[in-house]
Amino acid sequence: MSINRTKCILFIFIIFLTACAKQAQAVQQTSTSAPQITAFNQPTDIPTDIPSNTDPSLFGVLAKAEIDPMASKIQEAVFIKVMDGFAINGNIIEYQIIATEVFPSSDGSLIAEIYYNVRTTDSSWLVDGGTQSDNNWIKNKCNRFDFVNTEAEFQLKNRRTCN
Protein backbone atom coordinates (compact mmCIF):
# COMPACT_ATOMS: atom_id res chain seq x y z
CA MET A 1 0.00 0.00 0.00
CA SER A 2 2.84 2.44 0.72
CA ILE A 3 4.35 1.91 -2.75
CA ASN A 4 1.06 2.92 -4.40
CA ARG A 5 0.84 5.93 -2.11
CA THR A 6 4.42 6.95 -2.99
CA LYS A 7 3.65 6.57 -6.71
CA CYS A 8 0.53 8.71 -6.33
CA ILE A 9 2.41 11.46 -4.49
CA LEU A 10 5.19 11.39 -7.08
CA PHE A 11 2.64 11.60 -9.90
CA ILE A 12 0.91 14.62 -8.29
CA PHE A 13 4.29 16.28 -7.77
CA ILE A 14 5.21 15.80 -11.46
CA ILE A 15 1.86 17.24 -12.56
CA PHE A 16 2.42 20.22 -10.27
CA LEU A 17 5.89 20.85 -11.70
CA THR A 18 4.58 20.55 -15.25
CA ALA A 19 1.83 23.08 -14.51
CA CYS A 20 4.35 25.47 -12.97
CA ALA A 21 6.66 25.18 -15.97
CA LYS A 22 3.83 25.94 -18.39
CA GLN A 23 2.75 28.91 -16.28
CA ALA A 24 6.28 30.33 -16.30
CA GLN A 25 6.43 29.98 -20.07
CA ALA A 26 3.16 31.89 -20.42
CA VAL A 27 4.85 35.00 -18.99
CA GLN A 28 6.85 35.49 -22.20
CA GLN A 29 5.13 37.91 -24.55
CA THR A 30 6.32 37.49 -28.11
CA SER A 31 4.53 37.65 -31.39
CA THR A 32 5.36 36.26 -34.80
CA SER A 33 2.14 37.54 -36.37
CA ALA A 34 1.26 41.13 -37.20
CA PRO A 35 1.01 43.25 -34.04
CA GLN A 36 -2.38 44.27 -32.72
CA ILE A 37 -3.21 47.95 -32.92
CA THR A 38 -4.16 49.53 -29.61
CA ALA A 39 -4.85 53.23 -29.21
CA PHE A 40 -3.28 55.08 -26.27
CA ASN A 41 -2.35 58.68 -25.53
CA GLN A 42 0.86 59.89 -27.14
CA PRO A 43 4.00 59.72 -24.94
CA THR A 44 6.10 62.79 -24.21
CA ASP A 45 9.43 61.21 -23.25
CA ILE A 46 11.03 57.90 -22.29
CA PRO A 47 10.24 57.05 -18.66
CA THR A 48 13.28 55.98 -16.70
CA ASP A 49 11.46 54.40 -13.77
CA ILE A 50 8.08 53.19 -12.58
CA PRO A 51 5.84 55.87 -11.02
CA SER A 52 6.15 54.70 -7.38
CA ASN A 53 9.94 54.44 -7.62
CA THR A 54 12.20 56.61 -5.46
CA ASP A 55 15.50 55.13 -6.71
CA PRO A 56 16.37 56.65 -10.12
CA SER A 57 18.60 53.69 -11.01
CA LEU A 58 15.69 51.26 -10.59
CA PHE A 59 13.88 50.34 -13.83
CA GLY A 60 11.47 47.77 -12.39
CA VAL A 61 10.69 45.55 -9.41
CA LEU A 62 8.76 42.34 -8.95
CA ALA A 63 8.01 41.15 -5.44
CA LYS A 64 8.95 37.54 -4.83
CA ALA A 65 5.35 36.98 -3.73
CA GLU A 66 4.26 37.84 -7.31
CA ILE A 67 6.29 35.08 -8.98
CA ASP A 68 7.71 31.68 -8.20
CA PRO A 69 11.42 32.27 -7.44
CA MET A 70 12.18 28.98 -9.22
CA ALA A 71 10.50 30.19 -12.44
CA SER A 72 12.66 30.80 -15.47
CA LYS A 73 12.97 34.20 -17.13
CA ILE A 74 12.21 36.26 -14.03
CA GLN A 75 13.99 39.19 -15.71
CA GLU A 76 11.39 38.98 -18.47
CA ALA A 77 8.52 39.10 -15.95
CA VAL A 78 9.94 42.29 -14.38
CA PHE A 79 10.39 43.86 -17.84
CA ILE A 80 6.83 42.90 -18.87
CA LYS A 81 5.41 44.46 -15.71
CA VAL A 82 7.15 47.77 -16.43
CA MET A 83 6.40 47.82 -20.16
CA ASP A 84 2.72 46.96 -19.54
CA GLY A 85 2.65 49.96 -17.18
CA PHE A 86 4.14 52.16 -19.92
CA ALA A 87 1.40 50.97 -22.32
CA ILE A 88 -1.36 51.61 -19.79
CA ASN A 89 0.02 55.09 -19.08
CA GLY A 90 0.26 55.87 -22.80
CA ASN A 91 4.07 56.05 -22.93
CA ILE A 92 4.13 53.34 -25.63
CA ILE A 93 1.51 51.73 -27.84
CA GLU A 94 2.81 48.15 -27.54
CA TYR A 95 5.97 46.08 -27.46
CA GLN A 96 7.35 42.65 -28.34
CA ILE A 97 10.11 40.81 -26.50
CA ILE A 98 12.53 39.17 -28.92
CA ALA A 99 14.92 37.50 -26.47
CA THR A 100 16.28 37.77 -22.94
CA GLU A 101 19.42 36.50 -21.31
CA VAL A 102 20.99 36.64 -17.85
CA PHE A 103 24.72 36.19 -17.41
CA PRO A 104 27.34 36.92 -14.74
CA SER A 105 29.40 40.10 -14.96
CA SER A 106 33.11 40.30 -14.24
CA ASP A 107 32.44 41.31 -10.62
CA GLY A 108 30.14 38.32 -9.99
CA SER A 109 26.82 40.19 -10.15
CA LEU A 110 24.14 39.33 -12.72
CA ILE A 111 23.40 41.21 -15.94
CA ALA A 112 20.10 40.93 -17.84
CA GLU A 113 19.96 41.75 -21.55
CA ILE A 114 16.55 42.23 -23.13
CA TYR A 115 16.07 42.54 -26.90
CA TYR A 116 12.70 43.97 -27.94
CA ASN A 117 10.65 46.02 -30.39
CA VAL A 118 8.52 48.92 -29.21
CA ARG A 119 5.71 50.68 -31.03
CA THR A 120 5.46 54.38 -30.22
CA THR A 121 5.15 57.75 -31.93
CA ASP A 122 7.74 59.22 -29.56
CA SER A 123 11.08 59.40 -31.39
CA SER A 124 12.99 59.73 -28.12
CA TRP A 125 12.79 55.92 -27.83
CA LEU A 126 15.38 55.87 -30.65
CA VAL A 127 17.94 57.70 -28.49
CA ASP A 128 19.28 54.49 -26.92
CA GLY A 129 19.23 52.33 -30.02
CA GLY A 130 16.87 50.54 -32.33
CA THR A 131 15.84 51.12 -35.93
CA GLN A 132 12.76 53.08 -37.00
CA SER A 133 10.39 50.84 -38.96
CA ASP A 134 6.91 51.00 -40.48
CA ASN A 135 3.77 51.65 -38.41
CA ASN A 136 5.70 53.46 -35.63
CA TRP A 137 7.71 50.37 -34.66
CA ILE A 138 11.25 50.75 -33.37
CA LYS A 139 12.91 47.40 -34.01
CA ASN A 140 15.89 45.63 -32.43
CA LYS A 141 16.24 47.65 -29.24
CA CYS A 142 18.45 46.18 -26.54
CA ASN A 143 18.76 47.26 -22.94
CA ARG A 144 21.11 45.86 -20.35
CA PHE A 145 20.27 45.93 -16.64
CA ASP A 146 21.85 44.89 -13.38
CA PHE A 147 19.65 41.97 -12.27
CA VAL A 148 19.37 42.15 -8.48
CA ASN A 149 17.87 39.47 -6.24
CA THR A 150 17.03 40.77 -2.74
CA GLU A 151 15.26 38.92 0.06
CA ALA A 152 11.89 40.38 -0.96
CA GLU A 153 12.09 41.18 -4.66
CA PHE A 154 13.75 40.94 -8.05
CA GLN A 155 15.02 44.20 -9.57
CA LEU A 156 16.21 45.49 -12.93
CA LYS A 157 18.55 48.43 -12.23
CA ASN A 158 20.84 50.79 -14.11
CA ARG A 159 19.23 50.65 -17.56
CA ARG A 160 21.75 51.11 -20.38
CA THR A 161 22.18 50.30 -24.07
CA CYS A 162 23.69 46.93 -24.96
CA ASN A 163 27.17 46.94 -26.49
C-alpha atoms as a PDB file:
ATOM      1  CA  MET A   1       0.000   0.000   0.000  1.00  0.00           C
ATOM      2  CA  SER A   2       2.845   2.442   0.723  1.00  0.00           C
ATOM      3  CA  ILE A   3       4.353   1.908  -2.751  1.00  0.00           C
ATOM      4  CA  ASN A   4       1.062   2.925  -4.398  1.00  0.00           C
ATOM      5  CA  ARG A   5       0.841   5.934  -2.107  1.00  0.00           C
ATOM      6  CA  THR A   6       4.416   6.946  -2.995  1.00  0.00           C
ATOM      7  CA  LYS A   7       3.653   6.571  -6.714  1.00  0.00           C
ATOM      8  CA  CYS A   8       0.528   8.706  -6.326  1.00  0.00           C
ATOM      9  CA  ILE A   9       2.406  11.462  -4.493  1.00  0.00           C
ATOM     10  CA  LEU A  10       5.190  11.392  -7.083  1.00  0.00           C
ATOM     11  CA  PHE A  11       2.637  11.598  -9.900  1.00  0.00           C
ATOM     12  CA  ILE A  12       0.911  14.615  -8.286  1.00  0.00           C
ATOM     13  CA  PHE A  13       4.291  16.282  -7.772  1.00  0.00           C
ATOM     14  CA  ILE A  14       5.205  15.800 -11.456  1.00  0.00           C
ATOM     15  CA  ILE A  15       1.859  17.243 -12.564  1.00  0.00           C
ATOM     16  CA  PHE A  16       2.419  20.223 -10.269  1.00  0.00           C
ATOM     17  CA  LEU A  17       5.893  20.853 -11.704  1.00  0.00           C
ATOM     18  CA  THR A  18       4.581  20.554 -15.252  1.00  0.00           C
ATOM     19  CA  ALA A  19       1.828  23.075 -14.509  1.00  0.00           C
ATOM     20  CA  CYS A  20       4.349  25.470 -12.970  1.00  0.00           C
ATOM     21  CA  ALA A  21       6.656  25.178 -15.970  1.00  0.00           C
ATOM     22  CA  LYS A  22       3.831  25.937 -18.386  1.00  0.00           C
ATOM     23  CA  GLN A  23       2.753  28.910 -16.277  1.00  0.00           C
ATOM     24  CA  ALA A  24       6.279  30.327 -16.299  1.00  0.00           C
ATOM     25  CA  GLN A  25       6.427  29.976 -20.075  1.00  0.00           C
ATOM     26  CA  ALA A  26       3.159  31.894 -20.415  1.00  0.00           C
ATOM     27  CA  VAL A  27       4.853  35.001 -18.989  1.00  0.00           C
ATOM     28  CA  GLN A  28       6.847  35.490 -22.202  1.00  0.00           C
ATOM     29  CA  GLN A  29       5.132  37.911 -24.552  1.00  0.00           C
ATOM     30  CA  THR A  30       6.325  37.488 -28.107  1.00  0.00           C
ATOM     31  CA  SER A  31       4.535  37.648 -31.385  1.00  0.00           C
ATOM     32  CA  THR A  32       5.356  36.260 -34.799  1.00  0.00           C
ATOM     33  CA  SER A  33       2.143  37.541 -36.369  1.00  0.00           C
ATOM     34  CA  ALA A  34       1.258  41.129 -37.195  1.00  0.00           C
ATOM     35  CA  PRO A  35       1.007  43.252 -34.036  1.00  0.00           C
ATOM     36  CA  GLN A  36      -2.383  44.266 -32.717  1.00  0.00           C
ATOM     37  CA  ILE A  37      -3.206  47.947 -32.918  1.00  0.00           C
ATOM     38  CA  THR A  38      -4.160  49.527 -29.610  1.00  0.00           C
ATOM     39  CA  ALA A  39      -4.853  53.229 -29.205  1.00  0.00           C
ATOM     40  CA  PHE A  40      -3.275  55.081 -26.271  1.00  0.00           C
ATOM     41  CA  ASN A  41      -2.348  58.678 -25.535  1.00  0.00           C
ATOM     42  CA  GLN A  42       0.863  59.895 -27.139  1.00  0.00           C
ATOM     43  CA  PRO A  43       4.001  59.722 -24.945  1.00  0.00           C
ATOM     44  CA  THR A  44       6.104  62.789 -24.209  1.00  0.00           C
ATOM     45  CA  ASP A  45       9.429  61.205 -23.253  1.00  0.00           C
ATOM     46  CA  ILE A  46      11.028  57.896 -22.289  1.00  0.00           C
ATOM     47  CA  PRO A  47      10.243  57.053 -18.665  1.00  0.00           C
ATOM     48  CA  THR A  48      13.282  55.978 -16.695  1.00  0.00           C
ATOM     49  CA  ASP A  49      11.464  54.398 -13.773  1.00  0.00           C
ATOM     50  CA  ILE A  50       8.082  53.193 -12.578  1.00  0.00           C
ATOM     51  CA  PRO A  51       5.845  55.871 -11.016  1.00  0.00           C
ATOM     52  CA  SER A  52       6.154  54.697  -7.377  1.00  0.00           C
ATOM     53  CA  ASN A  53       9.936  54.442  -7.620  1.00  0.00           C
ATOM     54  CA  THR A  54      12.195  56.611  -5.462  1.00  0.00           C
ATOM     55  CA  ASP A  55      15.500  55.131  -6.713  1.00  0.00           C
ATOM     56  CA  PRO A  56      16.373  56.651 -10.124  1.00  0.00           C
ATOM     57  CA  SER A  57      18.603  53.688 -11.011  1.00  0.00           C
ATOM     58  CA  LEU A  58      15.685  51.260 -10.590  1.00  0.00           C
ATOM     59  CA  PHE A  59      13.883  50.337 -13.832  1.00  0.00           C
ATOM     60  CA  GLY A  60      11.466  47.772 -12.385  1.00  0.00           C
ATOM     61  CA  VAL A  61      10.692  45.550  -9.413  1.00  0.00           C
ATOM     62  CA  LEU A  62       8.757  42.342  -8.954  1.00  0.00           C
ATOM     63  CA  ALA A  63       8.010  41.150  -5.436  1.00  0.00           C
ATOM     64  CA  LYS A  64       8.948  37.543  -4.831  1.00  0.00           C
ATOM     65  CA  ALA A  65       5.347  36.977  -3.729  1.00  0.00           C
ATOM     66  CA  GLU A  66       4.260  37.835  -7.308  1.00  0.00           C
ATOM     67  CA  ILE A  67       6.291  35.078  -8.983  1.00  0.00           C
ATOM     68  CA  ASP A  68       7.712  31.678  -8.204  1.00  0.00           C
ATOM     69  CA  PRO A  69      11.417  32.272  -7.435  1.00  0.00           C
ATOM     70  CA  MET A  70      12.182  28.984  -9.221  1.00  0.00           C
ATOM     71  CA  ALA A  71      10.503  30.191 -12.441  1.00  0.00           C
ATOM     72  CA  SER A  72      12.657  30.805 -15.471  1.00  0.00           C
ATOM     73  CA  LYS A  73      12.972  34.203 -17.125  1.00  0.00           C
ATOM     74  CA  ILE A  74      12.211  36.264 -14.028  1.00  0.00           C
ATOM     75  CA  GLN A  75      13.991  39.188 -15.711  1.00  0.00           C
ATOM     76  CA  GLU A  76      11.386  38.982 -18.472  1.00  0.00           C
ATOM     77  CA  ALA A  77       8.524  39.101 -15.953  1.00  0.00           C
ATOM     78  CA  VAL A  78       9.941  42.289 -14.382  1.00  0.00           C
ATOM     79  CA  PHE A  79      10.390  43.855 -17.841  1.00  0.00           C
ATOM     80  CA  ILE A  80       6.830  42.895 -18.869  1.00  0.00           C
ATOM     81  CA  LYS A  81       5.410  44.456 -15.706  1.00  0.00           C
ATOM     82  CA  VAL A  82       7.153  47.769 -16.428  1.00  0.00           C
ATOM     83  CA  MET A  83       6.398  47.819 -20.159  1.00  0.00           C
ATOM     84  CA  ASP A  84       2.723  46.964 -19.543  1.00  0.00           C
ATOM     85  CA  GLY A  85       2.650  49.958 -17.184  1.00  0.00           C
ATOM     86  CA  PHE A  86       4.142  52.157 -19.925  1.00  0.00           C
ATOM     87  CA  ALA A  87       1.401  50.973 -22.323  1.00  0.00           C
ATOM     88  CA  ILE A  88      -1.361  51.606 -19.791  1.00  0.00           C
ATOM     89  CA  ASN A  89       0.020  55.093 -19.079  1.00  0.00           C
ATOM     90  CA  GLY A  90       0.261  55.870 -22.797  1.00  0.00           C
ATOM     91  CA  ASN A  91       4.066  56.055 -22.931  1.00  0.00           C
ATOM     92  CA  ILE A  92       4.125  53.340 -25.627  1.00  0.00           C
ATOM     93  CA  ILE A  93       1.510  51.727 -27.838  1.00  0.00           C
ATOM     94  CA  GLU A  94       2.809  48.154 -27.541  1.00  0.00           C
ATOM     95  CA  TYR A  95       5.974  46.080 -27.455  1.00  0.00           C
ATOM     96  CA  GLN A  96       7.346  42.653 -28.342  1.00  0.00           C
ATOM     97  CA  ILE A  97      10.110  40.815 -26.503  1.00  0.00           C
ATOM     98  CA  ILE A  98      12.526  39.171 -28.922  1.00  0.00           C
ATOM     99  CA  ALA A  99      14.920  37.504 -26.471  1.00  0.00           C
ATOM    100  CA  THR A 100      16.281  37.775 -22.944  1.00  0.00           C
ATOM    101  CA  GLU A 101      19.417  36.498 -21.311  1.00  0.00           C
ATOM    102  CA  VAL A 102      20.986  36.643 -17.848  1.00  0.00           C
ATOM    103  CA  PHE A 103      24.717  36.190 -17.411  1.00  0.00           C
ATOM    104  CA  PRO A 104      27.337  36.918 -14.741  1.00  0.00           C
ATOM    105  CA  SER A 105      29.402  40.101 -14.956  1.00  0.00           C
ATOM    106  CA  SER A 106      33.114  40.305 -14.240  1.00  0.00           C
ATOM    107  CA  ASP A 107      32.436  41.311 -10.620  1.00  0.00           C
ATOM    108  CA  GLY A 108      30.140  38.320  -9.992  1.00  0.00           C
ATOM    109  CA  SER A 109      26.824  40.186 -10.149  1.00  0.00           C
ATOM    110  CA  LEU A 110      24.140  39.330 -12.717  1.00  0.00           C
ATOM    111  CA  ILE A 111      23.399  41.208 -15.935  1.00  0.00           C
ATOM    112  CA  ALA A 112      20.102  40.929 -17.840  1.00  0.00           C
ATOM    113  CA  GLU A 113      19.961  41.752 -21.551  1.00  0.00           C
ATOM    114  CA  ILE A 114      16.554  42.230 -23.129  1.00  0.00           C
ATOM    115  CA  TYR A 115      16.065  42.540 -26.895  1.00  0.00           C
ATOM    116  CA  TYR A 116      12.701  43.971 -27.939  1.00  0.00           C
ATOM    117  CA  ASN A 117      10.646  46.021 -30.389  1.00  0.00           C
ATOM    118  CA  VAL A 118       8.516  48.923 -29.211  1.00  0.00           C
ATOM    119  CA  ARG A 119       5.708  50.684 -31.030  1.00  0.00           C
ATOM    120  CA  THR A 120       5.459  54.380 -30.221  1.00  0.00           C
ATOM    121  CA  THR A 121       5.153  57.748 -31.929  1.00  0.00           C
ATOM    122  CA  ASP A 122       7.743  59.223 -29.557  1.00  0.00           C
ATOM    123  CA  SER A 123      11.075  59.404 -31.395  1.00  0.00           C
ATOM    124  CA  SER A 124      12.993  59.729 -28.117  1.00  0.00           C
ATOM    125  CA  TRP A 125      12.794  55.921 -27.830  1.00  0.00           C
ATOM    126  CA  LEU A 126      15.379  55.875 -30.647  1.00  0.00           C
ATOM    127  CA  VAL A 127      17.944  57.703 -28.486  1.00  0.00           C
ATOM    128  CA  ASP A 128      19.278  54.495 -26.917  1.00  0.00           C
ATOM    129  CA  GLY A 129      19.231  52.332 -30.022  1.00  0.00           C
ATOM    130  CA  GLY A 130      16.866  50.543 -32.328  1.00  0.00           C
ATOM    131  CA  THR A 131      15.845  51.121 -35.927  1.00  0.00           C
ATOM    132  CA  GLN A 132      12.757  53.078 -37.000  1.00  0.00           C
ATOM    133  CA  SER A 133      10.391  50.841 -38.961  1.00  0.00           C
ATOM    134  CA  ASP A 134       6.908  50.995 -40.478  1.00  0.00           C
ATOM    135  CA  ASN A 135       3.773  51.654 -38.409  1.00  0.00           C
ATOM    136  CA  ASN A 136       5.703  53.463 -35.629  1.00  0.00           C
ATOM    137  CA  TRP A 137       7.708  50.366 -34.660  1.00  0.00           C
ATOM    138  CA  ILE A 138      11.247  50.747 -33.366  1.00  0.00           C
ATOM    139  CA  LYS A 139      12.913  47.402 -34.007  1.00  0.00           C
ATOM    140  CA  ASN A 140      15.886  45.634 -32.432  1.00  0.00           C
ATOM    141  CA  LYS A 141      16.244  47.648 -29.237  1.00  0.00           C
ATOM    142  CA  CYS A 142      18.450  46.184 -26.536  1.00  0.00           C
ATOM    143  CA  ASN A 143      18.757  47.263 -22.936  1.00  0.00           C
ATOM    144  CA  ARG A 144      21.113  45.857 -20.347  1.00  0.00           C
ATOM    145  CA  PHE A 145      20.266  45.929 -16.641  1.00  0.00           C
ATOM    146  CA  ASP A 146      21.847  44.894 -13.381  1.00  0.00           C
ATOM    147  CA  PHE A 147      19.654  41.966 -12.266  1.00  0.00           C
ATOM    148  CA  VAL A 148      19.371  42.152  -8.482  1.00  0.00           C
ATOM    149  CA  ASN A 149      17.869  39.468  -6.244  1.00  0.00           C
ATOM    150  CA  THR A 150      17.029  40.769  -2.736  1.00  0.00           C
ATOM    151  CA  GLU A 151      15.255  38.921   0.059  1.00  0.00           C
ATOM    152  CA  ALA A 152      11.895  40.382  -0.957  1.00  0.00           C
ATOM    153  CA  GLU A 153      12.090  41.184  -4.659  1.00  0.00           C
ATOM    154  CA  PHE A 154      13.749  40.941  -8.053  1.00  0.00           C
ATOM    155  CA  GLN A 155      15.015  44.204  -9.573  1.00  0.00           C
ATOM    156  CA  LEU A 156      16.207  45.492 -12.926  1.00  0.00           C
ATOM    157  CA  LYS A 157      18.545  48.430 -12.231  1.00  0.00           C
ATOM    158  CA  ASN A 158      20.838  50.789 -14.109  1.00  0.00           C
ATOM    159  CA  ARG A 159      19.234  50.647 -17.558  1.00  0.00           C
ATOM    160  CA  ARG A 160      21.747  51.111 -20.380  1.00  0.00           C
ATOM    161  CA  THR A 161      22.181  50.303 -24.065  1.00  0.00           C
ATOM    162  CA  CYS A 162      23.694  46.934 -24.963  1.00  0.00           C
ATOM    163  CA  ASN A 163      27.167  46.941 -26.488  1.00  0.00           C
END
